[in-house]
Amino acid sequence: MALCAPLCAALIMSGCGKDAESAGAENDVMSDETTGEAEDMFRITDDYVIIIPEGSKADAKAANLLKKGLSENGIELKFIDDSYGVNEHEIILGPAARDDTKKTSIDPSNGVMPGGWEIKLAESGNLVVSGDTYAAAQWLLDSCVGDDGFLVSEDLCESYTPEWELVFEDDFDGDELDETKWRRCPEWDRSDMGGRWDDGMIFLDGRGHLVDRADIVDGVPLTGAVRTCDTFMSTYGYYEICCTLHHAKGMWGAFWMMLGPNVGSGDGAEADIFESLYNEGNIYFTLHYDGYGDRHKSVSAVKRLPDAFDGSFHRFGLLWTKEGYRWYMDGEQVFSTDVAPVSQPGYMKISTECGSWGGKLDESELPSDMLVDWVRVWQMR
């Protein structure tokens, strides 16, 4: 990709900062010592601003890194509102709702994975940093800042694609659950509505799907669950499921992880990669930590997506690193946090739950099936 217009620098924080005046970049010509050819360079000065999408904590962290690094080199950048068209040139860290930027979606089939980043200068003059914006900001500081200031070449083309290894995969082919990968969870009573996990509620349909069923049998709500605590545990990686969502009130599906040796006592965390609540039309992305007792804490994001419950397949992913966690839906990041980092092995669970949180049960809507097309786990080499 190429940088093809002058740059400028900036950050948008919700409710913070004032508009800075636009300024054209000063053109410098620097000699290329290797080839002896002149290369057009643009000097970034404190006339520029840094802009990030409103409410993006991960990109705010990256922008602050860039601002701090440039400040140490005598360049004081301003933070302004992300108002399209107000400024002639802007640096955007991460995906923004603009027609001159490009969203980077997670697509393992094309080699696009978490941790990768891309830097390009749009024709509008926006420097677009997408993907892992923190790593990209670090590259800018390391590669473009020196004694002569912040200089970016006109033809800068930079991207990074990390090497990932597929370490777990189940496409649920055949007629029987692969017990080298999954085990059915114990048939525990599960909720305040008298339901329980039942072995008969989770099975393969012979057409390439794991079926996680919710039903009422003899007045008892029954649901299914499987886990990998006896078959596959890992520390860090990208974990993804492709599945449909339940369509019955009182039931919800989940793909989640237990991270660490004893989550219940506070030694670890529970990462709900997704929970789908049909009665609200909402999907939840949550991290629970400090145990399940009086010290329990959680952070989460909620997306209202009633159309996602139409029986179509969706992808839900979690990137777990030593720095924290990022949640993805259909390749787009939806939430991130760096609280309660866990550095000990964890395992996956697929389950259906029932309870008052899901609403009153309606037998006319049952049985309700969540179909799982596949589950995959990648780790960085």
Protein backbone atom coordinates (compact mmCIF):
# COMPACT_ATOMS: atom_id res chain seq x y z
CA MET A 1 0.00 0.00 0.00
CA ALA A 2 1.27 3.51 -0.59
CA LEU A 3 1.26 6.79 1.27
CA CYS A 4 0.09 9.15 -1.40
CA ALA A 5 -0.78 12.48 0.27
CA PRO A 6 0.46 14.75 3.04
CA LEU A 7 -0.18 13.58 6.63
CA CYS A 8 -1.51 15.02 9.78
CA ALA A 9 -1.96 13.71 13.32
CA ALA A 10 -4.92 13.53 15.81
CA LEU A 11 -7.23 11.69 18.41
CA ILE A 12 -10.88 11.85 19.15
CA MET A 13 -11.99 11.21 22.68
CA SER A 14 -15.69 11.41 23.37
CA GLY A 15 -16.44 14.83 24.83
CA CYS A 16 -12.76 15.86 24.94
CA GLY A 17 -10.57 18.35 23.15
CA LYS A 18 -11.02 21.18 20.71
CA ASP A 19 -10.72 21.35 16.93
CA ALA A 20 -7.22 22.16 15.79
CA GLU A 21 -6.62 24.20 12.69
CA SER A 22 -5.69 22.17 9.63
CA ALA A 23 -2.26 22.63 8.24
CA GLY A 24 -0.66 21.39 5.05
CA ALA A 25 2.35 19.14 5.49
CA GLU A 26 5.76 20.59 4.73
CA ASN A 27 7.43 18.81 1.84
CA ASP A 28 11.03 17.82 2.47
CA VAL A 29 13.38 16.00 0.15
CA MET A 30 15.72 13.51 1.77
CA SER A 31 18.55 11.71 0.00
CA ASP A 32 18.34 7.92 -0.11
CA GLU A 33 21.84 6.86 0.97
CA THR A 34 21.43 3.38 -0.50
CA THR A 35 20.36 4.29 -4.02
CA GLY A 36 21.43 7.90 -4.18
CA GLU A 37 17.96 8.80 -5.43
CA ALA A 38 15.88 11.55 -3.89
CA GLU A 39 12.77 10.43 -2.02
CA ASP A 40 9.82 12.69 -1.22
CA MET A 41 9.21 12.93 2.51
CA PHE A 42 6.51 14.58 4.57
CA ARG A 43 7.33 16.07 7.95
CA ILE A 44 4.74 15.64 10.70
CA THR A 45 4.59 18.71 12.96
CA ASP A 46 2.55 19.84 15.93
CA ASP A 47 0.09 21.46 13.50
CA TYR A 48 -1.39 18.00 13.05
CA VAL A 49 -3.98 16.08 15.06
CA ILE A 50 -4.68 12.40 15.90
CA ILE A 51 -8.19 11.03 15.45
CA ILE A 52 -9.61 7.68 16.58
CA PRO A 53 -13.14 6.25 16.40
CA GLU A 54 -15.30 7.43 19.25
CA GLY A 55 -15.44 4.99 22.17
CA SER A 56 -12.61 2.77 20.94
CA LYS A 57 -10.51 2.07 24.05
CA ALA A 58 -8.02 -0.14 22.24
CA ASP A 59 -7.34 2.49 19.59
CA ALA A 60 -7.21 5.23 22.25
CA LYS A 61 -4.38 3.28 23.88
CA ALA A 62 -2.54 3.19 20.56
CA ALA A 63 -3.11 6.90 19.94
CA ASN A 64 -1.84 7.79 23.40
CA LEU A 65 1.30 5.75 22.74
CA LEU A 66 1.87 7.71 19.53
CA LYS A 67 1.16 11.06 21.21
CA LYS A 68 3.53 10.29 24.10
CA GLY A 69 6.28 9.06 21.81
CA LEU A 70 6.09 12.12 19.60
CA SER A 71 5.95 14.42 22.61
CA GLU A 72 9.28 13.00 23.76
CA ASN A 73 10.65 14.15 20.39
CA GLY A 74 9.28 17.67 20.71
CA ILE A 75 6.10 17.17 18.68
CA GLU A 76 2.97 18.03 20.66
CA LEU A 77 -0.07 16.62 18.87
CA LYS A 78 -3.65 17.57 19.72
CA PHE A 79 -6.75 15.47 20.27
CA ILE A 80 -9.89 16.56 18.41
CA ASP A 81 -13.41 15.38 17.66
CA ASP A 82 -13.85 12.89 14.84
CA SER A 83 -15.98 15.18 12.68
CA TYR A 84 -15.74 14.17 9.04
CA GLY A 85 -14.59 16.96 6.77
CA VAL A 86 -13.56 19.41 9.51
CA ASN A 87 -9.85 18.86 9.03
CA GLU A 88 -7.95 18.65 5.79
CA HIS A 89 -5.63 15.89 6.98
CA GLU A 90 -6.05 13.41 9.80
CA ILE A 91 -4.38 10.30 11.18
CA ILE A 92 -6.96 7.65 12.03
CA LEU A 93 -5.92 4.80 14.31
CA GLY A 94 -8.19 1.82 13.71
CA PRO A 95 -11.43 1.41 11.75
CA ALA A 96 -13.56 4.57 11.61
CA ALA A 97 -16.97 5.18 10.05
CA ARG A 98 -15.59 7.03 7.06
CA ASP A 99 -15.78 6.46 3.34
CA ASP A 100 -12.02 6.94 2.97
CA THR A 101 -10.96 4.27 5.48
CA LYS A 102 -10.86 0.51 5.30
CA LYS A 103 -11.96 -1.89 8.00
CA THR A 104 -9.74 -4.87 8.62
CA SER A 105 -11.89 -7.95 9.24
CA ILE A 106 -10.54 -11.13 10.79
CA ASP A 107 -10.60 -13.77 8.05
CA PRO A 108 -8.38 -16.79 8.79
CA SER A 109 -9.10 -18.29 5.36
CA ASN A 110 -7.29 -15.32 3.79
CA GLY A 111 -4.52 -15.20 6.37
CA VAL A 112 -5.92 -12.13 8.14
CA MET A 113 -5.61 -12.79 11.86
CA PRO A 114 -5.50 -10.77 15.09
CA GLY A 115 -2.16 -9.09 15.63
CA GLY A 116 -1.80 -8.06 12.00
CA TRP A 117 -1.80 -4.42 11.01
CA GLU A 118 -1.79 -2.17 7.98
CA ILE A 119 -0.73 1.46 7.45
CA LYS A 120 -1.72 3.43 4.38
CA LEU A 121 -2.27 7.03 3.41
CA ALA A 122 -5.59 7.55 1.66
CA GLU A 123 -5.93 10.00 -1.19
CA SER A 124 -7.86 12.25 1.18
CA GLY A 125 -4.73 12.62 3.32
CA ASN A 126 -5.89 10.35 6.14
CA LEU A 127 -3.19 8.07 7.47
CA VAL A 128 -5.20 4.91 8.18
CA VAL A 129 -3.79 2.50 10.72
CA SER A 130 -5.97 -0.61 11.01
CA GLY A 131 -5.83 -3.96 12.74
CA ASP A 132 -3.51 -4.11 15.74
CA THR A 133 -3.22 -0.34 16.03
CA TYR A 134 -0.96 -0.47 19.10
CA ALA A 135 1.68 -2.52 17.27
CA ALA A 136 1.33 -0.29 14.20
CA ALA A 137 1.79 2.86 16.30
CA GLN A 138 4.93 1.33 17.79
CA TRP A 139 6.26 0.68 14.28
CA LEU A 140 5.62 4.32 13.32
CA LEU A 141 7.56 5.52 16.36
CA ASP A 142 10.43 3.12 15.80
CA SER A 143 10.69 3.64 12.03
CA CYS A 144 9.61 7.21 11.29
CA VAL A 145 10.72 9.31 14.26
CA GLY A 146 14.31 10.52 14.58
CA ASP A 147 16.51 13.55 15.03
CA ASP A 148 14.90 15.20 12.00
CA GLY A 149 11.39 14.84 13.43
CA PHE A 150 8.54 12.63 12.28
CA LEU A 151 9.17 11.93 8.59
CA VAL A 152 6.99 9.64 6.47
CA SER A 153 7.89 8.75 2.91
CA GLU A 154 5.45 9.42 0.10
CA ASP A 155 5.52 5.78 -0.99
CA LEU A 156 5.46 4.14 2.44
CA CYS A 157 3.86 0.68 2.18
CA GLU A 158 3.79 -1.25 5.44
CA SER A 159 1.82 -4.16 6.85
CA TYR A 160 2.46 -7.02 9.21
CA THR A 161 0.92 -10.47 9.14
CA PRO A 162 1.78 -12.70 12.10
CA GLU A 163 2.29 -16.42 11.61
CA TRP A 164 -0.48 -18.44 13.20
CA GLU A 165 -0.77 -22.20 13.61
CA LEU A 166 -4.09 -24.04 13.69
CA VAL A 167 -3.85 -26.13 16.88
CA PHE A 168 -7.47 -27.28 17.32
CA GLU A 169 -10.22 -27.91 14.78
CA ASP A 170 -13.53 -29.74 14.75
CA ASP A 171 -15.92 -29.59 11.79
CA PHE A 172 -18.33 -32.03 13.49
CA ASP A 173 -18.38 -34.49 10.62
CA GLY A 174 -19.80 -37.97 11.18
CA ASP A 175 -22.51 -39.17 13.52
CA GLU A 176 -20.78 -39.28 16.93
CA LEU A 177 -19.15 -36.64 19.06
CA ASP A 178 -15.34 -36.87 18.84
CA GLU A 179 -14.43 -37.59 22.44
CA THR A 180 -10.75 -37.02 21.74
CA LYS A 181 -11.76 -33.35 21.41
CA TRP A 182 -14.90 -32.88 23.54
CA ARG A 183 -16.56 -34.43 26.58
CA ARG A 184 -20.16 -33.90 27.59
CA CYS A 185 -20.45 -31.82 30.75
CA PRO A 186 -21.80 -33.52 33.90
CA GLU A 187 -25.60 -33.53 34.13
CA TRP A 188 -25.76 -30.74 36.69
CA ASP A 189 -28.81 -28.74 37.69
CA ARG A 190 -28.15 -25.44 36.02
CA SER A 191 -30.53 -22.64 36.97
CA ASP A 192 -33.26 -21.07 39.07
CA MET A 193 -35.92 -22.57 36.79
CA GLY A 194 -35.25 -26.22 37.51
CA GLY A 195 -33.33 -27.01 34.34
CA ARG A 196 -30.27 -29.18 33.91
CA TRP A 197 -27.63 -30.19 31.41
CA ASP A 198 -28.58 -33.50 29.81
CA ASP A 199 -26.35 -35.74 27.67
CA GLY A 200 -29.16 -36.34 25.20
CA MET A 201 -29.43 -32.65 24.36
CA ILE A 202 -26.07 -32.37 22.58
CA PHE A 203 -25.22 -34.54 19.56
CA LEU A 204 -24.15 -34.52 15.91
CA ASP A 205 -26.82 -34.32 13.20
CA GLY A 206 -24.80 -36.26 10.58
CA ARG A 207 -24.74 -33.19 8.30
CA GLY A 208 -21.64 -31.53 9.70
CA HIS A 209 -23.14 -29.82 12.75
CA LEU A 210 -23.04 -30.14 16.50
CA VAL A 211 -26.61 -29.72 17.78
CA ASP A 212 -27.02 -28.06 21.18
CA ARG A 213 -30.73 -28.48 21.91
CA ALA A 214 -33.04 -26.84 24.41
CA ASP A 215 -36.32 -28.58 25.24
CA ILE A 216 -38.73 -29.39 28.05
CA VAL A 217 -39.15 -33.07 28.89
CA ASP A 218 -41.67 -34.12 31.57
CA GLY A 219 -41.81 -30.53 32.74
CA VAL A 220 -38.01 -30.23 33.15
CA PRO A 221 -36.03 -27.80 30.95
CA LEU A 222 -33.14 -29.74 29.44
CA THR A 223 -30.11 -28.31 27.65
CA GLY A 224 -26.71 -29.59 26.53
CA ALA A 225 -23.06 -28.74 27.07
CA VAL A 226 -19.61 -29.97 26.05
CA ARG A 227 -16.12 -28.93 27.17
CA THR A 228 -12.44 -29.57 26.48
CA CYS A 229 -11.00 -29.60 30.02
CA ASP A 230 -9.99 -33.27 29.63
CA THR A 231 -8.96 -33.09 25.98
CA PHE A 232 -7.53 -29.68 25.02
CA MET A 233 -6.20 -26.81 27.11
CA SER A 234 -4.05 -23.91 25.95
CA THR A 235 -2.61 -20.58 27.01
CA TYR A 236 -3.20 -17.63 24.67
CA GLY A 237 -4.51 -17.79 21.12
CA TYR A 238 -7.47 -16.95 18.93
CA TYR A 239 -10.60 -19.05 19.61
CA GLU A 240 -13.53 -18.99 17.19
CA ILE A 241 -16.90 -20.69 16.70
CA CYS A 242 -19.27 -20.60 13.72
CA CYS A 243 -22.86 -21.25 14.79
CA THR A 244 -26.52 -20.27 14.68
CA LEU A 245 -28.31 -18.77 17.70
CA HIS A 246 -31.22 -20.08 19.76
CA HIS A 247 -34.67 -18.73 18.90
CA ALA A 248 -36.68 -19.52 22.05
CA LYS A 249 -37.42 -17.30 25.04
CA GLY A 250 -35.91 -18.54 28.27
CA MET A 251 -32.93 -20.18 26.56
CA TRP A 252 -29.56 -18.83 25.53
CA GLY A 253 -26.54 -20.27 23.84
CA ALA A 254 -22.92 -19.65 24.77
CA PHE A 255 -19.35 -20.28 23.73
CA TRP A 256 -17.08 -19.60 26.68
CA MET A 257 -13.79 -20.38 28.36
CA MET A 258 -12.54 -21.10 31.84
CA LEU A 259 -9.07 -19.55 32.14
CA GLY A 260 -6.78 -20.60 34.97
CA PRO A 261 -6.82 -23.36 37.58
CA ASN A 262 -9.79 -22.36 39.75
CA VAL A 263 -12.05 -19.66 38.35
CA GLY A 264 -14.64 -20.08 41.08
CA SER A 265 -12.23 -19.11 43.82
CA GLY A 266 -10.88 -16.15 41.88
CA ASP A 267 -7.74 -17.80 40.52
CA GLY A 268 -8.48 -17.17 36.86
CA ALA A 269 -11.31 -15.75 34.78
CA GLU A 270 -14.38 -16.77 32.80
CA ALA A 271 -14.44 -15.38 29.26
CA ASP A 272 -17.86 -15.53 27.64
CA ILE A 273 -16.95 -15.31 23.96
CA PHE A 274 -20.64 -14.82 23.34
CA GLU A 275 -24.00 -15.32 25.03
CA SER A 276 -27.12 -14.87 22.89
CA LEU A 277 -30.33 -13.78 24.61
CA TYR A 278 -33.26 -14.24 22.23
CA ASN A 279 -35.89 -12.51 24.38
CA GLU A 280 -33.89 -9.26 24.21
CA GLY A 281 -32.36 -9.67 20.77
CA ASN A 282 -29.01 -9.04 22.43
CA ILE A 283 -25.58 -10.66 22.26
CA TYR A 284 -23.26 -10.32 25.27
CA PHE A 285 -19.44 -10.37 25.35
CA THR A 286 -18.20 -10.65 28.95
CA LEU A 287 -15.24 -11.31 31.22
CA HIS A 288 -15.90 -12.49 34.81
CA TYR A 289 -13.08 -12.43 37.39
CA ASP A 290 -12.28 -12.49 41.12
CA GLY A 291 -14.42 -15.60 41.60
CA TYR A 292 -18.17 -16.07 41.81
CA GLY A 293 -18.63 -14.88 45.40
CA ASP A 294 -18.81 -11.47 47.03
CA ARG A 295 -15.66 -10.26 45.24
CA HIS A 296 -17.00 -11.10 41.79
CA LYS A 297 -16.46 -8.48 39.08
CA SER A 298 -17.20 -8.36 35.37
CA VAL A 299 -16.77 -6.19 32.30
CA SER A 300 -18.82 -6.59 29.15
CA ALA A 301 -20.25 -5.21 25.95
CA VAL A 302 -23.79 -5.73 24.66
CA LYS A 303 -24.89 -5.60 21.04
CA ARG A 304 -28.57 -5.47 20.09
CA LEU A 305 -28.78 -7.62 16.96
CA PRO A 306 -32.26 -9.16 16.64
CA ASP A 307 -31.62 -10.06 12.99
CA ALA A 308 -28.79 -12.38 14.10
CA PHE A 309 -31.39 -14.81 15.50
CA ASP A 310 -32.80 -15.67 12.07
CA GLY A 311 -31.04 -19.04 11.80
CA SER A 312 -28.03 -17.79 9.86
CA PHE A 313 -24.48 -18.71 10.88
CA HIS A 314 -22.24 -16.20 12.65
CA ARG A 315 -18.64 -16.27 13.85
CA PHE A 316 -17.65 -15.35 17.40
CA GLY A 317 -14.00 -15.12 18.38
CA LEU A 318 -11.74 -14.24 21.30
CA LEU A 319 -8.12 -13.15 21.08
CA TRP A 320 -6.42 -13.94 24.41
CA THR A 321 -2.91 -12.57 24.91
CA LYS A 322 -0.69 -11.74 27.85
CA GLU A 323 -1.89 -8.13 27.56
CA GLY A 324 -5.62 -8.87 27.65
CA TYR A 325 -8.62 -9.89 25.58
CA ARG A 326 -10.40 -8.88 22.37
CA TRP A 327 -13.82 -10.10 21.23
CA TYR A 328 -14.85 -10.42 17.58
CA MET A 329 -18.13 -11.05 15.77
CA ASP A 330 -18.08 -11.92 12.08
CA GLY A 331 -14.51 -10.69 11.86
CA GLU A 332 -15.04 -7.26 13.43
CA GLN A 333 -13.76 -6.35 16.88
CA VAL A 334 -16.67 -5.63 19.25
CA PHE A 335 -15.03 -5.36 22.68
CA SER A 336 -11.68 -5.41 24.45
CA THR A 337 -10.30 -5.22 27.97
CA ASP A 338 -6.96 -5.56 29.72
CA VAL A 339 -8.37 -6.31 33.19
CA ALA A 340 -7.62 -9.62 34.95
CA PRO A 341 -5.02 -11.01 32.53
CA VAL A 342 -4.58 -14.78 32.97
CA SER A 343 -1.38 -16.59 32.00
CA GLN A 344 -2.38 -20.17 32.82
CA PRO A 345 -4.13 -22.75 30.58
CA GLY A 346 -7.83 -22.58 29.87
CA TYR A 347 -10.46 -24.72 28.15
CA MET A 348 -13.54 -24.18 25.98
CA LYS A 349 -17.23 -24.86 26.59
CA ILE A 350 -20.27 -24.86 24.31
CA SER A 351 -23.55 -24.79 26.18
CA THR A 352 -27.20 -23.86 26.28
CA GLU A 353 -28.61 -22.41 29.49
CA CYS A 354 -32.08 -21.66 30.81
CA GLY A 355 -33.09 -19.33 33.61
CA SER A 356 -34.92 -16.18 34.60
CA TRP A 357 -32.35 -14.03 32.78
CA GLY A 358 -33.60 -15.57 29.53
CA GLY A 359 -37.26 -14.87 30.26
CA LYS A 360 -40.32 -17.04 30.76
CA LEU A 361 -40.21 -20.41 29.00
CA ASP A 362 -42.66 -21.01 26.16
CA GLU A 363 -42.98 -24.69 25.24
CA SER A 364 -44.52 -23.78 21.89
CA GLU A 365 -41.11 -22.41 20.82
CA LEU A 366 -39.30 -25.65 21.73
CA PRO A 367 -37.28 -27.56 20.84
CA SER A 368 -34.76 -24.90 19.91
CA ASP A 369 -31.41 -25.84 18.40
CA MET A 370 -28.10 -24.03 18.23
CA LEU A 371 -26.14 -25.53 15.31
CA VAL A 372 -22.36 -25.37 15.47
CA ASP A 373 -20.60 -25.63 12.11
CA TRP A 374 -17.06 -25.59 13.46
CA VAL A 375 -14.71 -24.57 16.27
CA ARG A 376 -11.08 -23.62 15.66
CA VAL A 377 -8.14 -22.41 17.72
CA TRP A 378 -4.99 -20.73 16.42
CA GLN A 379 -1.80 -19.90 18.29
CA MET A 380 0.99 -17.60 17.16
CA ARG A 381 4.15 -19.47 16.20
